[in-house]
Amino acid sequence: MDIEKDVVYRVKWCKENNVLPYLMRDHSCWKSKHREFYIDLCAYCNQPSIFKKMTFKEFMGKRTNNLERRKSSIKLYTL
């Protein structure tokens, strides 16, 4: 799957249509250059109470104090 076109698109579609996604990571995500983003996105999507109440940007603001990681994940999500 192409991260920018498929995964993020599907998550955004779920958010807009009040559907709760559940993301599963396979072994390839651990070797990906977007590894941290996959981890952040799964943490966001796989917690229904958080997914329903927050945007991804709000979630990242609470998830980590690492500004580089926060900016990188938000950038990939908003492409």
PDB file of N, CA and C in Angstrom:
ATOM      1  N   MET A   1       0.836  -1.183   0.000  1.00  0.00           N
ATOM      2  CA  MET A   1       0.000   0.000   0.000  1.00  0.00           C
ATOM      3  C   MET A   1       0.878   1.242   0.000  1.00  0.00           C
ATOM      4  N   ASP A   2       0.397   2.240  -0.638  1.00  0.00           N
ATOM      5  CA  ASP A   2       1.081   3.528  -0.643  1.00  0.00           C
ATOM      6  C   ASP A   2       0.568   4.335   0.539  1.00  0.00           C
ATOM      7  N   ILE A   3       1.455   4.688   1.424  1.00  0.00           N
ATOM      8  CA  ILE A   3       1.048   5.329   2.678  1.00  0.00           C
ATOM      9  C   ILE A   3       0.249   6.610   2.458  1.00  0.00           C
ATOM     10  N   GLU A   4       0.712   7.474   1.569  1.00  0.00           N
ATOM     11  CA  GLU A   4       0.023   8.748   1.377  1.00  0.00           C
ATOM     12  C   GLU A   4      -1.324   8.582   0.694  1.00  0.00           C
ATOM     13  N   LYS A   5      -1.405   7.668  -0.244  1.00  0.00           N
ATOM     14  CA  LYS A   5      -2.638   7.554  -1.027  1.00  0.00           C
ATOM     15  C   LYS A   5      -3.644   6.590  -0.422  1.00  0.00           C
ATOM     16  N   ASP A   6      -3.199   5.524   0.178  1.00  0.00           N
ATOM     17  CA  ASP A   6      -4.128   4.499   0.632  1.00  0.00           C
ATOM     18  C   ASP A   6      -4.431   4.551   2.124  1.00  0.00           C
ATOM     19  N   VAL A   7      -3.429   4.412   2.937  1.00  0.00           N
ATOM     20  CA  VAL A   7      -3.651   4.297   4.379  1.00  0.00           C
ATOM     21  C   VAL A   7      -4.277   5.565   4.948  1.00  0.00           C
ATOM     22  N   VAL A   8      -3.678   6.697   4.675  1.00  0.00           N
ATOM     23  CA  VAL A   8      -4.186   7.962   5.219  1.00  0.00           C
ATOM     24  C   VAL A   8      -5.557   8.270   4.635  1.00  0.00           C
ATOM     25  N   TYR A   9      -5.741   8.050   3.341  1.00  0.00           N
ATOM     26  CA  TYR A   9      -7.046   8.278   2.715  1.00  0.00           C
ATOM     27  C   TYR A   9      -8.127   7.459   3.419  1.00  0.00           C
ATOM     28  N   ARG A  10      -7.844   6.210   3.688  1.00  0.00           N
ATOM     29  CA  ARG A  10      -8.832   5.334   4.328  1.00  0.00           C
ATOM     30  C   ARG A  10      -9.141   5.772   5.756  1.00  0.00           C
ATOM     31  N   VAL A  11      -8.131   6.186   6.474  1.00  0.00           N
ATOM     32  CA  VAL A  11      -8.350   6.666   7.842  1.00  0.00           C
ATOM     33  C   VAL A  11      -9.201   7.931   7.824  1.00  0.00           C
ATOM     34  N   LYS A  12      -8.888   8.849   6.929  1.00  0.00           N
ATOM     35  CA  LYS A  12      -9.673  10.082   6.831  1.00  0.00           C
ATOM     36  C   LYS A  12     -11.115   9.781   6.419  1.00  0.00           C
ATOM     37  N   TRP A  13     -11.289   8.839   5.501  1.00  0.00           N
ATOM     38  CA  TRP A  13     -12.637   8.450   5.097  1.00  0.00           C
ATOM     39  C   TRP A  13     -13.409   7.908   6.298  1.00  0.00           C
ATOM     40  N   CYS A  14     -12.771   7.071   7.078  1.00  0.00           N
ATOM     41  CA  CYS A  14     -13.415   6.527   8.277  1.00  0.00           C
ATOM     42  C   CYS A  14     -13.818   7.642   9.235  1.00  0.00           C
ATOM     43  N   LYS A  15     -12.927   8.588   9.453  1.00  0.00           N
ATOM     44  CA  LYS A  15     -13.205   9.710  10.367  1.00  0.00           C
ATOM     45  C   LYS A  15     -14.417  10.506   9.875  1.00  0.00           C
ATOM     46  N   GLU A  16     -14.460  10.812   8.588  1.00  0.00           N
ATOM     47  CA  GLU A  16     -15.554  11.599   8.020  1.00  0.00           C
ATOM     48  C   GLU A  16     -16.886  10.855   8.042  1.00  0.00           C
ATOM     49  N   ASN A  17     -16.844   9.533   8.019  1.00  0.00           N
ATOM     50  CA  ASN A  17     -18.064   8.735   7.936  1.00  0.00           C
ATOM     51  C   ASN A  17     -18.397   8.003   9.233  1.00  0.00           C
ATOM     52  N   ASN A  18     -17.788   8.443  10.316  1.00  0.00           N
ATOM     53  CA  ASN A  18     -18.046   7.873  11.642  1.00  0.00           C
ATOM     54  C   ASN A  18     -17.870   6.348  11.695  1.00  0.00           C
ATOM     55  N   VAL A  19     -16.816   5.894  11.054  1.00  0.00           N
ATOM     56  CA  VAL A  19     -16.452   4.476  11.064  1.00  0.00           C
ATOM     57  C   VAL A  19     -15.174   4.345  11.889  1.00  0.00           C
ATOM     58  N   LEU A  20     -15.123   3.341  12.732  1.00  0.00           N
ATOM     59  CA  LEU A  20     -13.929   3.137  13.557  1.00  0.00           C
ATOM     60  C   LEU A  20     -12.956   2.197  12.841  1.00  0.00           C
ATOM     61  N   PRO A  21     -11.789   2.701  12.471  1.00  0.00           N
ATOM     62  CA  PRO A  21     -10.809   1.840  11.809  1.00  0.00           C
ATOM     63  C   PRO A  21     -10.019   1.034  12.834  1.00  0.00           C
ATOM     64  N   TYR A  22      -9.435  -0.031  12.367  1.00  0.00           N
ATOM     65  CA  TYR A  22      -8.465  -0.781  13.172  1.00  0.00           C
ATOM     66  C   TYR A  22      -7.305  -1.100  12.246  1.00  0.00           C
ATOM     67  N   LEU A  23      -6.159  -0.526  12.524  1.00  0.00           N
ATOM     68  CA  LEU A  23      -4.991  -0.746  11.672  1.00  0.00           C
ATOM     69  C   LEU A  23      -4.129  -1.861  12.225  1.00  0.00           C
ATOM     70  N   MET A  24      -3.718  -2.728  11.326  1.00  0.00           N
ATOM     71  CA  MET A  24      -2.800  -3.801  11.704  1.00  0.00           C
ATOM     72  C   MET A  24      -1.498  -3.582  10.945  1.00  0.00           C
ATOM     73  N   ARG A  25      -0.409  -3.747  11.651  1.00  0.00           N
ATOM     74  CA  ARG A  25       0.897  -3.590  11.026  1.00  0.00           C
ATOM     75  C   ARG A  25       1.450  -4.957  10.664  1.00  0.00           C
ATOM     76  N   ASP A  26       2.002  -5.058   9.473  1.00  0.00           N
ATOM     77  CA  ASP A  26       2.684  -6.290   9.124  1.00  0.00           C
ATOM     78  C   ASP A  26       4.193  -6.068   9.270  1.00  0.00           C
ATOM     79  N   HIS A  27       4.961  -7.080   8.989  1.00  0.00           N
ATOM     80  CA  HIS A  27       6.406  -7.005   9.221  1.00  0.00           C
ATOM     81  C   HIS A  27       7.089  -5.912   8.398  1.00  0.00           C
ATOM     82  N   SER A  28       6.521  -5.548   7.256  1.00  0.00           N
ATOM     83  CA  SER A  28       7.169  -4.543   6.405  1.00  0.00           C
ATOM     84  C   SER A  28       7.156  -3.144   7.024  1.00  0.00           C
ATOM     85  N   CYS A  29       6.212  -2.863   7.902  1.00  0.00           N
ATOM     86  CA  CYS A  29       6.173  -1.520   8.485  1.00  0.00           C
ATOM     87  C   CYS A  29       7.358  -1.276   9.415  1.00  0.00           C
ATOM     88  N   TRP A  30       7.907  -2.329   9.987  1.00  0.00           N
ATOM     89  CA  TRP A  30       9.032  -2.160  10.915  1.00  0.00           C
ATOM     90  C   TRP A  30      10.311  -1.767  10.192  1.00  0.00           C
ATOM     91  N   LYS A  31      10.379  -2.058   8.902  1.00  0.00           N
ATOM     92  CA  LYS A  31      11.566  -1.705   8.115  1.00  0.00           C
ATOM     93  C   LYS A  31      11.344  -0.439   7.287  1.00  0.00           C
ATOM     94  N   SER A  32      10.150   0.098   7.337  1.00  0.00           N
ATOM     95  CA  SER A  32       9.794   1.258   6.530  1.00  0.00           C
ATOM     96  C   SER A  32      10.462   2.529   7.051  1.00  0.00           C
ATOM     97  N   LYS A  33      10.696   3.465   6.137  1.00  0.00           N
ATOM     98  CA  LYS A  33      11.219   4.767   6.551  1.00  0.00           C
ATOM     99  C   LYS A  33      10.146   5.554   7.303  1.00  0.00           C
ATOM    100  N   HIS A  34       8.897   5.108   7.214  1.00  0.00           N
ATOM    101  CA  HIS A  34       7.780   5.747   7.914  1.00  0.00           C
ATOM    102  C   HIS A  34       7.369   4.960   9.167  1.00  0.00           C
ATOM    103  N   ARG A  35       8.272   4.219   9.718  1.00  0.00           N
ATOM    104  CA  ARG A  35       7.993   3.350  10.867  1.00  0.00           C
ATOM    105  C   ARG A  35       7.301   4.092  12.014  1.00  0.00           C
ATOM    106  N   GLU A  36       7.845   5.221  12.403  1.00  0.00           N
ATOM    107  CA  GLU A  36       7.270   5.969  13.525  1.00  0.00           C
ATOM    108  C   GLU A  36       5.868   6.479  13.200  1.00  0.00           C
ATOM    109  N   PHE A  37       5.650   6.856  11.945  1.00  0.00           N
ATOM    110  CA  PHE A  37       4.321   7.307  11.546  1.00  0.00           C
ATOM    111  C   PHE A  37       3.311   6.170  11.656  1.00  0.00           C
ATOM    112  N   TYR A  38       3.675   4.993  11.195  1.00  0.00           N
ATOM    113  CA  TYR A  38       2.776   3.836  11.316  1.00  0.00           C
ATOM    114  C   TYR A  38       2.412   3.592  12.784  1.00  0.00           C
ATOM    115  N   ILE A  39       3.395   3.668  13.643  1.00  0.00           N
ATOM    116  CA  ILE A  39       3.156   3.442  15.073  1.00  0.00           C
ATOM    117  C   ILE A  39       2.196   4.505  15.615  1.00  0.00           C
ATOM    118  N   ASP A  40       2.433   5.758  15.261  1.00  0.00           N
ATOM    119  CA  ASP A  40       1.567   6.850  15.722  1.00  0.00           C
ATOM    120  C   ASP A  40       0.157   6.715  15.163  1.00  0.00           C
ATOM    121  N   LEU A  41       0.041   6.411  13.884  1.00  0.00           N
ATOM    122  CA  LEU A  41      -1.271   6.290  13.258  1.00  0.00           C
ATOM    123  C   LEU A  41      -2.058   5.120  13.850  1.00  0.00           C
ATOM    124  N   CYS A  42      -1.390   4.010  14.091  1.00  0.00           N
ATOM    125  CA  CYS A  42      -2.064   2.861  14.716  1.00  0.00           C
ATOM    126  C   CYS A  42      -2.514   3.204  16.129  1.00  0.00           C
ATOM    127  N   ALA A  43      -1.688   3.896  16.863  1.00  0.00           N
ATOM    128  CA  ALA A  43      -2.060   4.282  18.228  1.00  0.00           C
ATOM    129  C   ALA A  43      -3.287   5.188  18.205  1.00  0.00           C
ATOM    130  N   TYR A  44      -3.372   6.065  17.231  1.00  0.00           N
ATOM    131  CA  TYR A  44      -4.513   6.972  17.088  1.00  0.00           C
ATOM    132  C   TYR A  44      -5.784   6.212  16.682  1.00  0.00           C
ATOM    133  N   CYS A  45      -5.665   5.399  15.663  1.00  0.00           N
ATOM    134  CA  CYS A  45      -6.844   4.716  15.110  1.00  0.00           C
ATOM    135  C   CYS A  45      -7.363   3.591  15.995  1.00  0.00           C
ATOM    136  N   ASN A  46      -6.494   2.922  16.682  1.00  0.00           N
ATOM    137  CA  ASN A  46      -6.887   1.723  17.418  1.00  0.00           C
ATOM    138  C   ASN A  46      -7.387   2.014  18.832  1.00  0.00           C
ATOM    139  N   GLN A  47      -7.613   3.268  19.132  1.00  0.00           N
ATOM    140  CA  GLN A  47      -8.205   3.657  20.411  1.00  0.00           C
ATOM    141  C   GLN A  47      -9.474   4.454  20.102  1.00  0.00           C
ATOM    142  N   PRO A  48     -10.610   3.778  20.034  1.00  0.00           N
ATOM    143  CA  PRO A  48     -11.846   4.435  19.595  1.00  0.00           C
ATOM    144  C   PRO A  48     -12.193   5.713  20.340  1.00  0.00           C
ATOM    145  N   SER A  49     -11.984   5.747  21.631  1.00  0.00           N
ATOM    146  CA  SER A  49     -12.342   6.953  22.379  1.00  0.00           C
ATOM    147  C   SER A  49     -11.494   8.151  21.949  1.00  0.00           C
ATOM    148  N   ILE A  50     -10.246   7.911  21.606  1.00  0.00           N
ATOM    149  CA  ILE A  50      -9.373   8.983  21.126  1.00  0.00           C
ATOM    150  C   ILE A  50      -9.733   9.354  19.695  1.00  0.00           C
ATOM    151  N   PHE A  51      -9.924   8.364  18.846  1.00  0.00           N
ATOM    152  CA  PHE A  51     -10.239   8.600  17.435  1.00  0.00           C
ATOM    153  C   PHE A  51     -11.520   9.417  17.276  1.00  0.00           C
ATOM    154  N   LYS A  52     -12.497   9.152  18.113  1.00  0.00           N
ATOM    155  CA  LYS A  52     -13.775   9.863  18.031  1.00  0.00           C
ATOM    156  C   LYS A  52     -13.670  11.316  18.477  1.00  0.00           C
ATOM    157  N   LYS A  53     -12.801  11.602  19.441  1.00  0.00           N
ATOM    158  CA  LYS A  53     -12.765  12.919  20.085  1.00  0.00           C
ATOM    159  C   LYS A  53     -11.705  13.873  19.565  1.00  0.00           C
ATOM    160  N   MET A  54     -10.631  13.354  18.994  1.00  0.00           N
ATOM    161  CA  MET A  54      -9.495  14.204  18.620  1.00  0.00           C
ATOM    162  C   MET A  54      -9.157  14.089  17.147  1.00  0.00           C
ATOM    163  N   THR A  55      -8.536  15.143  16.659  1.00  0.00           N
ATOM    164  CA  THR A  55      -7.919  15.057  15.339  1.00  0.00           C
ATOM    165  C   THR A  55      -6.552  14.396  15.521  1.00  0.00           C
ATOM    166  N   PHE A  56      -5.950  13.991  14.427  1.00  0.00           N
ATOM    167  CA  PHE A  56      -4.618  13.387  14.510  1.00  0.00           C
ATOM    168  C   PHE A  56      -3.613  14.403  15.044  1.00  0.00           C
ATOM    169  N   LYS A  57      -3.752  15.648  14.639  1.00  0.00           N
ATOM    170  CA  LYS A  57      -2.838  16.694  15.096  1.00  0.00           C
ATOM    171  C   LYS A  57      -2.949  16.881  16.614  1.00  0.00           C
ATOM    172  N   GLU A  58      -4.159  16.907  17.132  1.00  0.00           N
ATOM    173  CA  GLU A  58      -4.351  17.032  18.581  1.00  0.00           C
ATOM    174  C   GLU A  58      -3.745  15.831  19.309  1.00  0.00           C
ATOM    175  N   PHE A  59      -3.967  14.659  18.746  1.00  0.00           N
ATOM    176  CA  PHE A  59      -3.426  13.439  19.330  1.00  0.00           C
ATOM    177  C   PHE A  59      -1.906  13.487  19.400  1.00  0.00           C
ATOM    178  N   MET A  60      -1.280  13.899  18.315  1.00  0.00           N
ATOM    179  CA  MET A  60       0.185  13.963  18.291  1.00  0.00           C
ATOM    180  C   MET A  60       0.719  14.989  19.279  1.00  0.00           C
ATOM    181  N   GLY A  61      -0.021  16.060  19.491  1.00  0.00           N
ATOM    182  CA  GLY A  61       0.383  17.060  20.475  1.00  0.00           C
ATOM    183  C   GLY A  61       0.429  16.505  21.887  1.00  0.00           C
ATOM    184  N   LYS A  62      -0.431  15.540  22.165  1.00  0.00           N
ATOM    185  CA  LYS A  62      -0.467  14.923  23.492  1.00  0.00           C
ATOM    186  C   LYS A  62       0.412  13.680  23.572  1.00  0.00           C
ATOM    187  N   ARG A  63       0.668  13.067  22.426  1.00  0.00           N
ATOM    188  CA  ARG A  63       1.389  11.790  22.404  1.00  0.00           C
ATOM    189  C   ARG A  63       2.879  11.944  22.686  1.00  0.00           C
ATOM    190  N   THR A  64       3.495  12.962  22.124  1.00  0.00           N
ATOM    191  CA  THR A  64       4.951  13.068  22.238  1.00  0.00           C
ATOM    192  C   THR A  64       5.413  14.517  22.362  1.00  0.00           C
ATOM    193  N   ASN A  65       6.503  14.701  23.062  1.00  0.00           N
ATOM    194  CA  ASN A  65       7.147  16.006  23.148  1.00  0.00           C
ATOM    195  C   ASN A  65       8.237  16.159  22.092  1.00  0.00           C
ATOM    196  N   ASN A  66       8.499  15.092  21.360  1.00  0.00           N
ATOM    197  CA  ASN A  66       9.510  15.106  20.312  1.00  0.00           C
ATOM    198  C   ASN A  66       8.952  15.882  19.115  1.00  0.00           C
ATOM    199  N   LEU A  67       9.390  17.130  18.958  1.00  0.00           N
ATOM    200  CA  LEU A  67       8.834  18.000  17.917  1.00  0.00           C
ATOM    201  C   LEU A  67       9.089  17.490  16.513  1.00  0.00           C
ATOM    202  N   GLU A  68      10.254  16.885  16.271  1.00  0.00           N
ATOM    203  CA  GLU A  68      10.556  16.353  14.947  1.00  0.00           C
ATOM    204  C   GLU A  68       9.592  15.236  14.588  1.00  0.00           C
ATOM    205  N   ARG A  69       9.370  14.325  15.519  1.00  0.00           N
ATOM    206  CA  ARG A  69       8.459  13.216  15.265  1.00  0.00           C
ATOM    207  C   ARG A  69       7.037  13.732  15.063  1.00  0.00           C
ATOM    208  N   ARG A  70       6.634  14.665  15.901  1.00  0.00           N
ATOM    209  CA  ARG A  70       5.285  15.231  15.795  1.00  0.00           C
ATOM    210  C   ARG A  70       5.082  15.869  14.418  1.00  0.00           C
ATOM    211  N   LYS A  71       6.029  16.718  13.999  1.00  0.00           N
ATOM    212  CA  LYS A  71       5.930  17.396  12.706  1.00  0.00           C
ATOM    213  C   LYS A  71       5.935  16.398  11.550  1.00  0.00           C
ATOM    214  N   SER A  72       6.800  15.413  11.636  1.00  0.00           N
ATOM    215  CA  SER A  72       6.921  14.419  10.577  1.00  0.00           C
ATOM    216  C   SER A  72       5.620  13.628  10.427  1.00  0.00           C
ATOM    217  N   SER A  73       5.046  13.168  11.520  1.00  0.00           N
ATOM    218  CA  SER A  73       3.813  12.386  11.451  1.00  0.00           C
ATOM    219  C   SER A  73       2.641  13.236  10.965  1.00  0.00           C
ATOM    220  N   ILE A  74       2.551  14.448  11.448  1.00  0.00           N
ATOM    221  CA  ILE A  74       1.455  15.327  11.016  1.00  0.00           C
ATOM    222  C   ILE A  74       1.597  15.651   9.540  1.00  0.00           C
ATOM    223  N   LYS A  75       2.822  15.859   9.094  1.00  0.00           N
ATOM    224  CA  LYS A  75       3.052  16.145   7.674  1.00  0.00           C
ATOM    225  C   LYS A  75       2.602  14.976   6.794  1.00  0.00           C
ATOM    226  N   LEU A  76       2.958  13.764   7.170  1.00  0.00           N
ATOM    227  CA  LEU A  76       2.537  12.605   6.384  1.00  0.00           C
ATOM    228  C   LEU A  76       1.020  12.445   6.411  1.00  0.00           C
ATOM    229  N   TYR A  77       0.399  12.748   7.518  1.00  0.00           N
ATOM    230  CA  TYR A  77      -1.051  12.609   7.628  1.00  0.00           C
ATOM    231  C   TYR A  77      -1.782  13.651   6.789  1.00  0.00           C
ATOM    232  N   THR A  78      -1.213  14.820   6.645  1.00  0.00           N
ATOM    233  CA  THR A  78      -1.915  15.899   5.944  1.00  0.00           C
ATOM    234  C   THR A  78      -1.587  15.992   4.464  1.00  0.00           C
ATOM    235  N   LEU A  79      -0.747  15.126   3.960  1.00  0.00           N
ATOM    236  CA  LEU A  79      -0.421  15.171   2.514  1.00  0.00           C
ATOM    237  C   LEU A  79      -1.632  14.893   1.661  1.00  0.00           C
TER     238      LEU A  79
END
